[in-house]
């Protein structure tokens, strides 16, 4: 059995914290971890960014939140433990019925972006069908098997993976630089232009899939 990782987007108004995100568009949330406490509630650990000192009172007014506890305050962001009791139908199905794991999740005023590990492809299919039958939105953005390894996880092609790895091994990223793009091109038996494009697109994929997960990006390139 091979696990299936899927990246999905769910509209903010179909997920927990929708009241907060609708009324306070400057706030963003990132889930540290989440477990199903019961069939009718989940317990996430959530980083909040953008609300300042008023974040706690904002969350206390959200009808989807209960038992709010501040765990850490780092001035520009806060870590909370809370329980979600409303707009969690999709999440409960994923965690309880399909026994899947939420690897990462981030939310803003328009949508939530989740990366989920399903035990197999059937569990993903069942979740998609469940959402369809219950008029719930589930926009699937990316799917890959765990056997595809890290390059699949980070959106790299085989050529990009090989070029980035060689660049690191040859000292392309060292200061001072020990290898040039021309050197890499010679080793790979491709043009200098091909190496430059692989590096640029590979770097973009790594940043997009690690540092800015869930944020809007320009997909035109």
N, C-alpha and C. Protein backbone atom coordinates (compact mmCIF):
# COMPACT_ATOMS: atom_id res chain seq x y z
N UNK A 1 0.84 -1.20 0.00
CA UNK A 1 0.00 0.00 0.00
C UNK A 1 0.88 1.25 0.00
N UNK A 2 0.59 2.16 -0.91
CA UNK A 2 1.37 3.39 -1.03
C UNK A 2 0.49 4.58 -0.69
N UNK A 3 0.95 5.41 0.25
CA UNK A 3 0.18 6.58 0.62
C UNK A 3 0.07 7.58 -0.51
N UNK A 4 -1.03 8.32 -0.53
CA UNK A 4 -1.28 9.33 -1.54
C UNK A 4 -1.34 10.70 -0.88
N UNK A 5 -0.56 11.62 -1.37
CA UNK A 5 -0.57 12.99 -0.86
C UNK A 5 -1.31 13.87 -1.85
N UNK A 6 -2.22 14.66 -1.35
CA UNK A 6 -3.02 15.53 -2.22
C UNK A 6 -3.03 16.94 -1.64
N UNK A 7 -2.95 17.92 -2.51
CA UNK A 7 -3.10 19.32 -2.13
C UNK A 7 -4.46 19.79 -2.60
N UNK A 8 -5.25 20.32 -1.68
CA UNK A 8 -6.60 20.76 -2.01
C UNK A 8 -6.83 22.17 -1.52
N UNK A 9 -7.81 22.82 -2.11
CA UNK A 9 -8.27 24.12 -1.63
C UNK A 9 -9.75 24.04 -1.31
N UNK A 10 -10.11 24.64 -0.18
CA UNK A 10 -11.49 24.67 0.29
C UNK A 10 -11.87 26.13 0.52
N UNK A 11 -13.02 26.59 0.02
CA UNK A 11 -13.42 27.98 0.24
C UNK A 11 -13.47 28.31 1.73
N UNK A 12 -13.07 29.52 2.07
CA UNK A 12 -13.03 29.91 3.48
C UNK A 12 -14.40 29.81 4.14
N UNK A 13 -15.47 30.05 3.37
CA UNK A 13 -16.81 30.02 3.98
C UNK A 13 -17.34 28.61 4.17
N UNK A 14 -16.55 27.58 3.81
CA UNK A 14 -16.93 26.20 4.06
C UNK A 14 -15.99 25.54 5.07
N UNK A 15 -15.26 26.36 5.81
CA UNK A 15 -14.26 25.83 6.74
C UNK A 15 -14.33 26.60 8.04
N UNK A 16 -13.73 26.04 9.08
CA UNK A 16 -13.70 26.72 10.38
C UNK A 16 -13.02 28.08 10.26
N UNK A 17 -13.34 28.95 11.21
CA UNK A 17 -12.80 30.32 11.28
C UNK A 17 -13.31 31.22 10.15
N UNK A 18 -14.36 30.78 9.46
CA UNK A 18 -14.84 31.58 8.34
C UNK A 18 -15.33 32.96 8.78
N UNK A 19 -15.95 33.06 9.97
CA UNK A 19 -16.40 34.36 10.45
C UNK A 19 -15.22 35.30 10.65
N UNK A 20 -14.18 34.79 11.29
CA UNK A 20 -12.99 35.60 11.55
C UNK A 20 -12.34 36.06 10.25
N UNK A 21 -12.18 35.14 9.31
CA UNK A 21 -11.50 35.48 8.06
C UNK A 21 -12.33 36.41 7.19
N UNK A 22 -13.65 36.31 7.28
CA UNK A 22 -14.52 37.20 6.51
C UNK A 22 -14.47 38.63 7.03
N UNK A 23 -14.44 38.77 8.35
CA UNK A 23 -14.48 40.09 8.96
C UNK A 23 -13.10 40.72 9.13
N UNK A 24 -12.06 39.90 9.10
CA UNK A 24 -10.69 40.40 9.33
C UNK A 24 -9.79 39.83 8.24
N UNK A 25 -9.80 40.46 7.08
CA UNK A 25 -9.10 39.93 5.92
C UNK A 25 -7.58 39.99 6.06
N UNK A 26 -7.08 40.75 7.03
CA UNK A 26 -5.63 40.82 7.23
C UNK A 26 -5.10 39.61 7.99
N UNK A 27 -5.98 38.85 8.61
CA UNK A 27 -5.55 37.68 9.38
C UNK A 27 -5.27 36.49 8.47
N UNK A 28 -4.24 35.74 8.81
CA UNK A 28 -3.94 34.48 8.14
C UNK A 28 -3.65 33.43 9.21
N UNK A 29 -3.99 32.18 8.90
CA UNK A 29 -3.80 31.10 9.86
C UNK A 29 -3.02 29.95 9.23
N UNK A 30 -2.24 29.29 10.06
CA UNK A 30 -1.51 28.10 9.62
C UNK A 30 -1.63 27.04 10.70
N UNK A 31 -2.08 25.86 10.31
CA UNK A 31 -2.26 24.77 11.27
C UNK A 31 -0.93 24.09 11.54
N UNK A 32 -0.57 24.01 12.81
CA UNK A 32 0.64 23.29 13.21
C UNK A 32 0.39 21.79 13.22
N UNK A 33 -0.72 21.40 13.80
CA UNK A 33 -1.18 20.01 13.77
C UNK A 33 -2.65 20.00 14.13
N UNK A 34 -3.35 18.93 13.73
CA UNK A 34 -4.77 18.84 14.01
C UNK A 34 -5.15 17.38 14.20
N UNK A 35 -5.99 17.12 15.21
CA UNK A 35 -6.48 15.77 15.47
C UNK A 35 -7.99 15.84 15.64
N UNK A 36 -8.66 14.72 15.37
CA UNK A 36 -10.10 14.64 15.58
C UNK A 36 -10.35 14.30 17.04
N UNK A 37 -10.89 15.25 17.78
CA UNK A 37 -11.15 15.05 19.21
C UNK A 37 -12.37 14.15 19.39
N UNK A 38 -13.41 14.42 18.62
CA UNK A 38 -14.62 13.61 18.57
C UNK A 38 -15.16 13.70 17.16
N UNK A 39 -16.28 13.01 16.90
CA UNK A 39 -16.86 13.06 15.55
C UNK A 39 -17.42 14.44 15.22
N UNK A 40 -17.70 15.24 16.24
CA UNK A 40 -18.32 16.54 15.98
C UNK A 40 -17.39 17.72 16.29
N UNK A 41 -16.11 17.43 16.48
CA UNK A 41 -15.17 18.51 16.75
C UNK A 41 -13.74 18.06 16.47
N UNK A 42 -12.90 19.01 16.11
CA UNK A 42 -11.48 18.73 15.93
C UNK A 42 -10.68 19.71 16.78
N UNK A 43 -9.47 19.31 17.12
CA UNK A 43 -8.63 20.13 17.98
C UNK A 43 -7.33 20.47 17.25
N UNK A 44 -7.24 21.65 16.67
CA UNK A 44 -6.01 22.06 15.98
C UNK A 44 -5.12 22.95 16.87
N UNK A 45 -3.86 22.96 16.53
CA UNK A 45 -2.92 23.94 17.05
C UNK A 45 -2.68 24.91 15.89
N UNK A 46 -2.98 26.18 16.10
CA UNK A 46 -3.05 27.13 14.99
C UNK A 46 -2.17 28.36 15.24
N UNK A 47 -1.34 28.69 14.26
CA UNK A 47 -0.60 29.95 14.27
C UNK A 47 -1.46 31.03 13.63
N UNK A 48 -1.58 32.17 14.31
CA UNK A 48 -2.32 33.31 13.79
C UNK A 48 -1.36 34.45 13.49
N UNK A 49 -1.53 35.07 12.34
CA UNK A 49 -0.65 36.15 11.93
C UNK A 49 -1.47 37.31 11.38
N UNK A 50 -1.19 38.51 11.87
CA UNK A 50 -1.83 39.69 11.30
C UNK A 50 -2.86 40.35 12.19
N UNK A 51 -3.20 39.73 13.31
CA UNK A 51 -4.24 40.29 14.16
C UNK A 51 -3.74 41.08 15.34
N UNK A 52 -2.46 40.95 15.66
CA UNK A 52 -1.90 41.69 16.78
C UNK A 52 -2.51 41.31 18.11
N UNK A 53 -2.59 42.29 19.00
CA UNK A 53 -3.08 42.04 20.35
C UNK A 53 -4.56 41.68 20.39
N UNK A 54 -5.28 42.02 19.33
CA UNK A 54 -6.71 41.74 19.33
C UNK A 54 -7.10 40.37 18.83
N UNK A 55 -6.11 39.54 18.49
CA UNK A 55 -6.42 38.24 17.89
C UNK A 55 -7.25 37.37 18.81
N UNK A 56 -6.90 37.33 20.09
CA UNK A 56 -7.60 36.44 21.01
C UNK A 56 -9.08 36.79 21.12
N UNK A 57 -9.40 38.06 21.26
CA UNK A 57 -10.80 38.46 21.37
C UNK A 57 -11.55 38.20 20.06
N UNK A 58 -10.86 38.35 18.93
CA UNK A 58 -11.48 38.06 17.64
C UNK A 58 -11.86 36.59 17.56
N UNK A 59 -10.95 35.71 17.96
CA UNK A 59 -11.21 34.27 17.91
C UNK A 59 -12.29 33.85 18.89
N UNK A 60 -12.33 34.50 20.04
CA UNK A 60 -13.35 34.17 21.03
C UNK A 60 -14.75 34.49 20.53
N UNK A 61 -14.87 35.42 19.60
CA UNK A 61 -16.17 35.79 19.04
C UNK A 61 -16.59 34.89 17.88
N UNK A 62 -15.69 34.03 17.42
CA UNK A 62 -15.98 33.15 16.29
C UNK A 62 -16.78 31.95 16.78
N UNK A 63 -17.96 31.73 16.19
CA UNK A 63 -18.84 30.66 16.67
C UNK A 63 -18.32 29.26 16.36
N UNK A 64 -17.31 29.15 15.51
CA UNK A 64 -16.75 27.82 15.21
C UNK A 64 -15.67 27.43 16.21
N UNK A 65 -15.32 28.34 17.15
CA UNK A 65 -14.21 28.11 18.07
C UNK A 65 -14.71 27.93 19.50
N UNK A 66 -14.15 26.93 20.17
CA UNK A 66 -14.40 26.73 21.60
C UNK A 66 -13.07 26.41 22.28
N UNK A 67 -13.04 26.64 23.60
CA UNK A 67 -11.89 26.26 24.44
C UNK A 67 -10.57 26.78 23.87
N UNK A 68 -10.52 28.08 23.66
CA UNK A 68 -9.34 28.73 23.10
C UNK A 68 -8.27 28.91 24.17
N UNK A 69 -7.04 28.51 23.86
CA UNK A 69 -5.92 28.65 24.79
C UNK A 69 -4.71 29.21 24.05
N UNK A 70 -4.14 30.29 24.57
CA UNK A 70 -2.93 30.86 23.99
C UNK A 70 -1.72 30.08 24.50
N UNK A 71 -0.93 29.54 23.57
CA UNK A 71 0.25 28.75 23.94
C UNK A 71 1.55 29.53 23.80
N UNK A 72 1.60 30.44 22.84
CA UNK A 72 2.82 31.22 22.63
C UNK A 72 2.47 32.53 21.95
N UNK A 73 3.15 33.61 22.38
CA UNK A 73 2.95 34.92 21.78
C UNK A 73 4.30 35.46 21.35
N UNK A 74 4.52 35.52 20.03
CA UNK A 74 5.79 35.97 19.48
C UNK A 74 5.68 37.36 18.87
N UNK A 75 4.80 38.17 19.42
CA UNK A 75 4.54 39.55 18.99
C UNK A 75 3.84 39.61 17.64
N UNK A 76 4.50 39.15 16.57
CA UNK A 76 3.87 39.25 15.26
C UNK A 76 3.01 38.04 14.92
N UNK A 77 3.08 36.98 15.72
CA UNK A 77 2.22 35.82 15.52
C UNK A 77 2.01 35.10 16.85
N UNK A 78 0.88 34.39 16.93
CA UNK A 78 0.51 33.70 18.15
C UNK A 78 0.13 32.25 17.84
N UNK A 79 0.46 31.37 18.78
CA UNK A 79 0.08 29.96 18.64
C UNK A 79 -1.04 29.66 19.63
N UNK A 80 -2.15 29.11 19.11
CA UNK A 80 -3.31 28.78 19.93
C UNK A 80 -3.65 27.30 19.82
N UNK A 81 -4.16 26.77 20.93
CA UNK A 81 -4.86 25.50 20.89
C UNK A 81 -6.34 25.83 21.00
N UNK A 82 -7.16 25.17 20.18
CA UNK A 82 -8.59 25.46 20.19
C UNK A 82 -9.36 24.24 19.73
N UNK A 83 -10.66 24.30 19.85
CA UNK A 83 -11.52 23.27 19.28
C UNK A 83 -12.42 23.91 18.24
N UNK A 84 -12.56 23.23 17.11
CA UNK A 84 -13.47 23.68 16.06
C UNK A 84 -14.72 22.81 16.09
N UNK A 85 -15.88 23.46 16.07
CA UNK A 85 -17.14 22.72 16.18
C UNK A 85 -18.11 23.01 15.04
N UNK A 86 -17.74 23.89 14.13
CA UNK A 86 -18.64 24.27 13.04
C UNK A 86 -17.84 24.38 11.74
N UNK A 87 -18.51 24.07 10.62
CA UNK A 87 -17.86 24.11 9.30
C UNK A 87 -16.65 23.17 9.25
N UNK A 88 -16.80 21.99 9.83
CA UNK A 88 -15.68 21.04 9.86
C UNK A 88 -16.07 19.69 9.27
N UNK A 89 -17.18 19.64 8.54
CA UNK A 89 -17.69 18.37 8.02
C UNK A 89 -16.65 17.67 7.14
N UNK A 90 -16.04 18.41 6.23
CA UNK A 90 -15.04 17.80 5.35
C UNK A 90 -13.84 17.33 6.14
N UNK A 91 -13.37 18.15 7.07
CA UNK A 91 -12.19 17.81 7.85
C UNK A 91 -12.41 16.58 8.71
N UNK A 92 -13.58 16.48 9.34
CA UNK A 92 -13.88 15.30 10.16
C UNK A 92 -13.91 14.05 9.30
N UNK A 93 -14.51 14.14 8.12
CA UNK A 93 -14.53 12.98 7.22
C UNK A 93 -13.11 12.54 6.88
N UNK A 94 -12.24 13.49 6.57
CA UNK A 94 -10.86 13.18 6.21
C UNK A 94 -10.13 12.50 7.36
N UNK A 95 -10.26 13.06 8.56
CA UNK A 95 -9.50 12.56 9.70
C UNK A 95 -10.08 11.29 10.30
N UNK A 96 -11.40 11.20 10.38
CA UNK A 96 -12.04 10.08 11.07
C UNK A 96 -12.40 8.95 10.11
N UNK A 97 -13.19 9.25 9.10
CA UNK A 97 -13.68 8.20 8.20
C UNK A 97 -12.57 7.62 7.33
N UNK A 98 -11.68 8.46 6.85
CA UNK A 98 -10.63 7.98 5.94
C UNK A 98 -9.29 7.77 6.65
N UNK A 99 -9.21 8.15 7.92
CA UNK A 99 -7.98 7.98 8.72
C UNK A 99 -6.78 8.62 8.03
N UNK A 100 -7.01 9.79 7.45
CA UNK A 100 -5.94 10.53 6.78
C UNK A 100 -5.28 11.49 7.77
N UNK A 101 -4.18 12.09 7.33
CA UNK A 101 -3.42 13.02 8.16
C UNK A 101 -3.24 14.34 7.42
N UNK A 102 -3.53 15.43 8.11
CA UNK A 102 -3.28 16.75 7.54
C UNK A 102 -1.81 17.10 7.78
N UNK A 103 -1.04 17.17 6.71
CA UNK A 103 0.39 17.47 6.81
C UNK A 103 0.64 18.96 7.00
N UNK A 104 -0.16 19.78 6.36
CA UNK A 104 -0.04 21.23 6.51
C UNK A 104 -1.34 21.87 6.05
N UNK A 105 -1.61 23.04 6.58
CA UNK A 105 -2.82 23.77 6.18
C UNK A 105 -2.64 25.24 6.49
N UNK A 106 -3.08 26.08 5.58
CA UNK A 106 -3.03 27.52 5.80
C UNK A 106 -4.29 28.14 5.22
N UNK A 107 -4.76 29.21 5.87
CA UNK A 107 -6.00 29.82 5.45
C UNK A 107 -5.94 31.33 5.44
N UNK A 108 -6.68 31.92 4.49
CA UNK A 108 -6.84 33.37 4.44
C UNK A 108 -8.30 33.68 4.16
N UNK A 109 -8.60 34.91 3.78
CA UNK A 109 -9.99 35.34 3.65
C UNK A 109 -10.72 34.68 2.48
N UNK A 110 -10.00 34.06 1.57
CA UNK A 110 -10.65 33.45 0.40
C UNK A 110 -10.71 31.93 0.46
N UNK A 111 -9.66 31.28 0.98
CA UNK A 111 -9.65 29.82 0.94
C UNK A 111 -8.65 29.25 1.95
N UNK A 112 -8.79 27.95 2.17
CA UNK A 112 -7.80 27.17 2.91
C UNK A 112 -7.09 26.25 1.93
N UNK A 113 -5.80 26.12 2.11
CA UNK A 113 -4.99 25.21 1.30
C UNK A 113 -4.47 24.12 2.23
N UNK A 114 -4.80 22.87 1.92
CA UNK A 114 -4.41 21.74 2.76
C UNK A 114 -3.57 20.74 1.97
N UNK A 115 -2.55 20.21 2.63
CA UNK A 115 -1.79 19.08 2.09
C UNK A 115 -2.12 17.88 2.99
N UNK A 116 -2.68 16.84 2.38
CA UNK A 116 -3.24 15.72 3.15
C UNK A 116 -2.61 14.41 2.70
N UNK A 117 -2.26 13.57 3.67
CA UNK A 117 -1.76 12.23 3.38
C UNK A 117 -2.89 11.23 3.57
N UNK A 118 -3.35 10.64 2.48
CA UNK A 118 -4.36 9.59 2.53
C UNK A 118 -3.68 8.22 2.53
N UNK A 119 -4.27 7.23 3.21
CA UNK A 119 -3.64 5.90 3.24
C UNK A 119 -3.52 5.26 1.86
N UNK A 120 -4.43 5.61 0.94
CA UNK A 120 -4.36 5.09 -0.42
C UNK A 120 -5.21 5.97 -1.34
N UNK A 121 -5.18 5.66 -2.62
CA UNK A 121 -5.91 6.47 -3.60
C UNK A 121 -7.43 6.33 -3.41
N UNK A 122 -7.88 5.16 -2.95
CA UNK A 122 -9.32 4.96 -2.74
C UNK A 122 -9.87 5.92 -1.69
N UNK A 123 -9.08 6.19 -0.64
CA UNK A 123 -9.53 7.10 0.41
C UNK A 123 -9.73 8.50 -0.14
N UNK A 124 -8.86 8.90 -1.05
CA UNK A 124 -9.02 10.20 -1.70
C UNK A 124 -10.28 10.21 -2.56
N UNK A 125 -10.50 9.15 -3.32
CA UNK A 125 -11.70 9.07 -4.16
C UNK A 125 -12.96 9.11 -3.32
N UNK A 126 -12.95 8.41 -2.19
CA UNK A 126 -14.11 8.41 -1.29
C UNK A 126 -14.37 9.80 -0.74
N UNK A 127 -13.31 10.52 -0.41
CA UNK A 127 -13.46 11.88 0.11
C UNK A 127 -14.05 12.81 -0.95
N UNK A 128 -13.56 12.69 -2.16
CA UNK A 128 -14.08 13.52 -3.26
C UNK A 128 -15.57 13.23 -3.48
N UNK A 129 -15.94 11.95 -3.45
CA UNK A 129 -17.33 11.57 -3.65
C UNK A 129 -18.19 12.05 -2.48
N UNK A 130 -17.66 11.97 -1.27
CA UNK A 130 -18.38 12.44 -0.08
C UNK A 130 -18.68 13.94 -0.21
N UNK A 131 -17.69 14.71 -0.62
CA UNK A 131 -17.89 16.15 -0.78
C UNK A 131 -18.91 16.45 -1.87
N UNK A 132 -18.85 15.71 -2.96
CA UNK A 132 -19.79 15.93 -4.06
C UNK A 132 -21.22 15.65 -3.61
N UNK A 133 -21.42 14.55 -2.89
CA UNK A 133 -22.76 14.17 -2.45
C UNK A 133 -23.32 15.14 -1.41
N UNK A 134 -22.44 15.81 -0.67
CA UNK A 134 -22.89 16.72 0.39
C UNK A 134 -22.74 18.19 0.01
N UNK A 135 -22.56 18.44 -1.29
CA UNK A 135 -22.45 19.82 -1.80
C UNK A 135 -21.34 20.60 -1.10
N UNK A 136 -20.22 19.95 -0.89
CA UNK A 136 -19.05 20.58 -0.30
C UNK A 136 -17.97 20.74 -1.36
N UNK A 137 -17.28 21.85 -1.32
CA UNK A 137 -16.26 22.12 -2.33
C UNK A 137 -14.93 21.47 -1.95
N UNK A 138 -14.28 20.88 -2.94
CA UNK A 138 -12.95 20.30 -2.74
C UNK A 138 -12.20 20.43 -4.06
N UNK A 139 -11.39 21.45 -4.16
CA UNK A 139 -10.64 21.72 -5.39
C UNK A 139 -9.28 21.05 -5.29
N UNK A 140 -9.10 19.95 -6.02
CA UNK A 140 -7.84 19.20 -5.97
C UNK A 140 -6.82 19.89 -6.88
N UNK A 141 -5.68 20.30 -6.31
CA UNK A 141 -4.67 21.04 -7.05
C UNK A 141 -3.46 20.19 -7.44
N UNK A 142 -3.18 19.15 -6.67
CA UNK A 142 -2.01 18.33 -6.97
C UNK A 142 -2.14 16.99 -6.26
N UNK A 143 -1.69 15.92 -6.94
CA UNK A 143 -1.72 14.58 -6.37
C UNK A 143 -0.40 13.89 -6.68
N UNK A 144 0.17 13.21 -5.70
CA UNK A 144 1.35 12.40 -5.97
C UNK A 144 1.43 11.27 -4.94
N UNK A 145 2.11 10.22 -5.32
CA UNK A 145 2.30 9.07 -4.44
C UNK A 145 3.57 9.27 -3.63
N UNK A 146 3.59 8.72 -2.42
CA UNK A 146 4.78 8.85 -1.60
C UNK A 146 6.00 8.21 -2.25
N UNK A 147 5.78 7.22 -3.08
CA UNK A 147 6.90 6.56 -3.75
C UNK A 147 7.60 7.48 -4.73
N UNK A 148 6.96 8.61 -5.08
CA UNK A 148 7.61 9.57 -5.96
C UNK A 148 8.69 10.36 -5.24
N UNK A 149 8.70 10.27 -3.89
CA UNK A 149 9.78 10.89 -3.14
C UNK A 149 9.65 12.40 -3.03
N UNK A 150 10.75 13.02 -2.64
CA UNK A 150 10.75 14.44 -2.35
C UNK A 150 10.53 15.30 -3.59
N UNK A 151 11.05 14.84 -4.73
CA UNK A 151 10.90 15.68 -5.91
C UNK A 151 9.43 15.86 -6.27
N UNK A 152 8.62 14.80 -6.07
CA UNK A 152 7.19 14.93 -6.32
C UNK A 152 6.55 15.85 -5.31
N UNK A 153 6.98 15.72 -4.07
CA UNK A 153 6.42 16.55 -3.02
C UNK A 153 6.67 18.03 -3.29
N UNK A 154 7.83 18.35 -3.83
CA UNK A 154 8.19 19.75 -4.03
C UNK A 154 7.96 20.22 -5.46
N UNK A 155 7.30 19.41 -6.29
CA UNK A 155 6.92 19.85 -7.61
C UNK A 155 8.05 19.92 -8.61
N UNK A 156 9.14 19.17 -8.39
CA UNK A 156 10.28 19.21 -9.29
C UNK A 156 10.17 18.15 -10.38
N UNK A 157 10.63 18.49 -11.58
CA UNK A 157 10.75 17.49 -12.63
C UNK A 157 12.06 16.72 -12.42
N UNK A 158 12.22 15.62 -13.14
CA UNK A 158 13.46 14.85 -13.03
C UNK A 158 14.67 15.70 -13.41
N UNK A 159 14.55 16.47 -14.50
CA UNK A 159 15.67 17.30 -14.94
C UNK A 159 16.01 18.38 -13.91
N UNK A 160 14.99 18.98 -13.31
CA UNK A 160 15.24 19.99 -12.28
C UNK A 160 15.90 19.38 -11.06
N UNK A 161 15.42 18.20 -10.64
CA UNK A 161 16.02 17.51 -9.51
C UNK A 161 17.49 17.22 -9.76
N UNK A 162 17.80 16.69 -10.94
CA UNK A 162 19.19 16.34 -11.27
C UNK A 162 20.07 17.58 -11.32
N UNK A 163 19.56 18.66 -11.90
CA UNK A 163 20.36 19.87 -12.05
C UNK A 163 20.61 20.54 -10.70
N UNK A 164 19.59 20.63 -9.86
CA UNK A 164 19.76 21.23 -8.54
C UNK A 164 20.71 20.42 -7.68
N UNK A 165 20.60 19.10 -7.75
CA UNK A 165 21.48 18.23 -6.97
C UNK A 165 22.93 18.38 -7.42
N UNK A 166 23.15 18.38 -8.73
CA UNK A 166 24.50 18.55 -9.26
C UNK A 166 25.07 19.92 -8.88
N UNK A 167 24.23 20.95 -8.97
CA UNK A 167 24.68 22.30 -8.62
C UNK A 167 25.16 22.35 -7.18
N UNK A 168 24.45 21.69 -6.30
CA UNK A 168 24.85 21.67 -4.89
C UNK A 168 26.16 20.90 -4.71
N UNK A 169 26.24 19.74 -5.35
CA UNK A 169 27.43 18.89 -5.21
C UNK A 169 28.68 19.55 -5.78
N UNK A 170 28.53 20.31 -6.85
CA UNK A 170 29.67 20.93 -7.51
C UNK A 170 30.08 22.28 -6.90
N UNK A 171 29.31 22.78 -5.94
CA UNK A 171 29.66 24.04 -5.30
C UNK A 171 29.11 25.27 -5.98
N UNK A 172 28.05 25.10 -6.77
CA UNK A 172 27.44 26.24 -7.46
C UNK A 172 26.89 27.25 -6.46
N UNK A 173 26.44 26.78 -5.29
CA UNK A 173 25.85 27.66 -4.29
C UNK A 173 26.86 28.14 -3.25
N UNK A 174 28.12 27.69 -3.37
CA UNK A 174 29.14 28.10 -2.41
C UNK A 174 29.54 29.56 -2.63
N UNK A 175 30.12 30.16 -1.59
CA UNK A 175 30.67 31.51 -1.69
C UNK A 175 32.14 31.45 -1.28
N UNK A 176 33.08 31.69 -2.19
CA UNK A 176 32.84 31.99 -3.61
C UNK A 176 32.36 30.75 -4.37
N UNK A 177 31.71 30.98 -5.50
CA UNK A 177 31.15 29.89 -6.30
C UNK A 177 32.27 29.04 -6.90
N UNK A 178 32.14 27.71 -6.74
CA UNK A 178 33.16 26.79 -7.24
C UNK A 178 32.81 26.19 -8.59
N UNK A 179 31.60 26.40 -9.06
CA UNK A 179 31.19 25.89 -10.38
C UNK A 179 30.23 26.89 -11.00
N UNK A 180 30.32 27.06 -12.29
CA UNK A 180 29.45 27.98 -13.01
C UNK A 180 28.34 27.22 -13.70
N UNK A 181 27.36 27.95 -14.22
CA UNK A 181 26.30 27.31 -14.99
C UNK A 181 26.86 26.62 -16.22
N UNK A 182 27.93 27.20 -16.78
CA UNK A 182 28.57 26.57 -17.93
C UNK A 182 29.16 25.21 -17.55
N UNK A 183 29.79 25.14 -16.36
CA UNK A 183 30.33 23.86 -15.90
C UNK A 183 29.23 22.82 -15.74
N UNK A 184 28.11 23.23 -15.17
CA UNK A 184 26.99 22.31 -14.99
C UNK A 184 26.46 21.85 -16.34
N UNK A 185 26.39 22.77 -17.29
CA UNK A 185 25.90 22.43 -18.62
C UNK A 185 26.80 21.39 -19.28
N UNK A 186 28.12 21.54 -19.11
CA UNK A 186 29.05 20.56 -19.67
C UNK A 186 28.84 19.19 -19.05
N UNK A 187 28.69 19.15 -17.72
CA UNK A 187 28.51 17.87 -17.03
C UNK A 187 27.21 17.19 -17.43
N UNK A 188 26.17 17.99 -17.67
CA UNK A 188 24.86 17.44 -18.01
C UNK A 188 24.68 17.26 -19.52
N UNK A 189 25.63 17.76 -20.28
CA UNK A 189 25.58 17.68 -21.74
C UNK A 189 24.33 18.36 -22.29
N UNK A 190 24.06 19.55 -21.75
CA UNK A 190 22.95 20.37 -22.24
C UNK A 190 23.46 21.78 -22.42
N UNK A 191 22.62 22.65 -22.95
CA UNK A 191 23.03 24.04 -23.17
C UNK A 191 23.02 24.84 -21.88
N UNK A 192 23.78 25.94 -21.89
CA UNK A 192 23.77 26.85 -20.75
C UNK A 192 22.37 27.38 -20.48
N UNK A 193 21.61 27.66 -21.55
CA UNK A 193 20.25 28.15 -21.41
C UNK A 193 19.37 27.13 -20.70
N UNK A 194 19.54 25.84 -21.03
CA UNK A 194 18.73 24.79 -20.40
C UNK A 194 19.02 24.71 -18.91
N UNK A 195 20.30 24.82 -18.54
CA UNK A 195 20.66 24.80 -17.12
C UNK A 195 20.04 25.98 -16.39
N UNK A 196 20.13 27.17 -16.97
CA UNK A 196 19.58 28.36 -16.34
C UNK A 196 18.08 28.23 -16.12
N UNK A 197 17.37 27.70 -17.10
CA UNK A 197 15.92 27.53 -16.97
C UNK A 197 15.58 26.48 -15.92
N UNK A 198 16.34 25.38 -15.88
CA UNK A 198 16.08 24.35 -14.87
C UNK A 198 16.30 24.90 -13.47
N UNK A 199 17.38 25.65 -13.29
CA UNK A 199 17.66 26.22 -11.97
C UNK A 199 16.57 27.21 -11.56
N UNK A 200 16.19 28.09 -12.48
CA UNK A 200 15.18 29.10 -12.14
C UNK A 200 13.84 28.46 -11.83
N UNK A 201 13.40 27.53 -12.68
CA UNK A 201 12.11 26.89 -12.45
C UNK A 201 12.16 25.97 -11.23
N UNK A 202 13.30 25.32 -11.02
CA UNK A 202 13.44 24.47 -9.85
C UNK A 202 13.40 25.27 -8.56
N UNK A 203 14.11 26.40 -8.54
CA UNK A 203 14.08 27.27 -7.36
C UNK A 203 12.67 27.76 -7.09
N UNK A 204 11.97 28.15 -8.16
CA UNK A 204 10.60 28.64 -8.00
C UNK A 204 9.70 27.57 -7.41
N UNK A 205 9.84 26.33 -7.89
CA UNK A 205 9.00 25.24 -7.37
C UNK A 205 9.30 24.96 -5.91
N UNK A 206 10.58 24.99 -5.53
CA UNK A 206 10.94 24.76 -4.13
C UNK A 206 10.37 25.83 -3.22
N UNK A 207 10.48 27.09 -3.64
CA UNK A 207 9.94 28.18 -2.83
C UNK A 207 8.42 28.08 -2.74
N UNK A 208 7.77 27.85 -3.87
CA UNK A 208 6.31 27.79 -3.92
C UNK A 208 5.77 26.68 -3.04
N UNK A 209 6.46 25.52 -3.02
CA UNK A 209 5.93 24.36 -2.32
C UNK A 209 6.47 24.18 -0.91
N UNK A 210 7.30 25.14 -0.44
CA UNK A 210 7.80 25.05 0.93
C UNK A 210 7.54 26.32 1.72
N UNK A 211 7.81 27.48 1.13
CA UNK A 211 7.73 28.73 1.88
C UNK A 211 6.41 29.45 1.75
N UNK A 212 5.71 29.29 0.64
CA UNK A 212 4.49 30.06 0.42
C UNK A 212 3.32 29.15 0.08
N UNK A 213 3.25 28.01 0.74
CA UNK A 213 2.17 27.06 0.51
C UNK A 213 0.83 27.74 0.79
N UNK A 214 -0.08 27.63 -0.16
CA UNK A 214 -1.43 28.14 0.05
C UNK A 214 -1.63 29.58 -0.33
N UNK A 215 -0.58 30.30 -0.64
CA UNK A 215 -0.74 31.69 -1.05
C UNK A 215 -0.88 31.76 -2.56
N UNK A 216 -1.55 32.78 -3.02
CA UNK A 216 -1.74 32.95 -4.46
C UNK A 216 -0.41 33.22 -5.13
N UNK A 217 -0.13 32.52 -6.23
CA UNK A 217 1.10 32.72 -6.98
C UNK A 217 0.77 32.82 -8.45
N UNK A 218 1.65 33.43 -9.18
CA UNK A 218 1.48 33.57 -10.63
C UNK A 218 1.93 32.30 -11.30
N UNK A 219 1.01 31.58 -11.93
CA UNK A 219 1.32 30.30 -12.56
C UNK A 219 1.62 30.46 -14.04
N UNK A 220 1.86 31.67 -14.50
CA UNK A 220 2.03 31.90 -15.93
C UNK A 220 3.35 31.38 -16.47
N UNK A 221 4.35 31.21 -15.58
CA UNK A 221 5.65 30.76 -16.07
C UNK A 221 5.66 29.27 -16.29
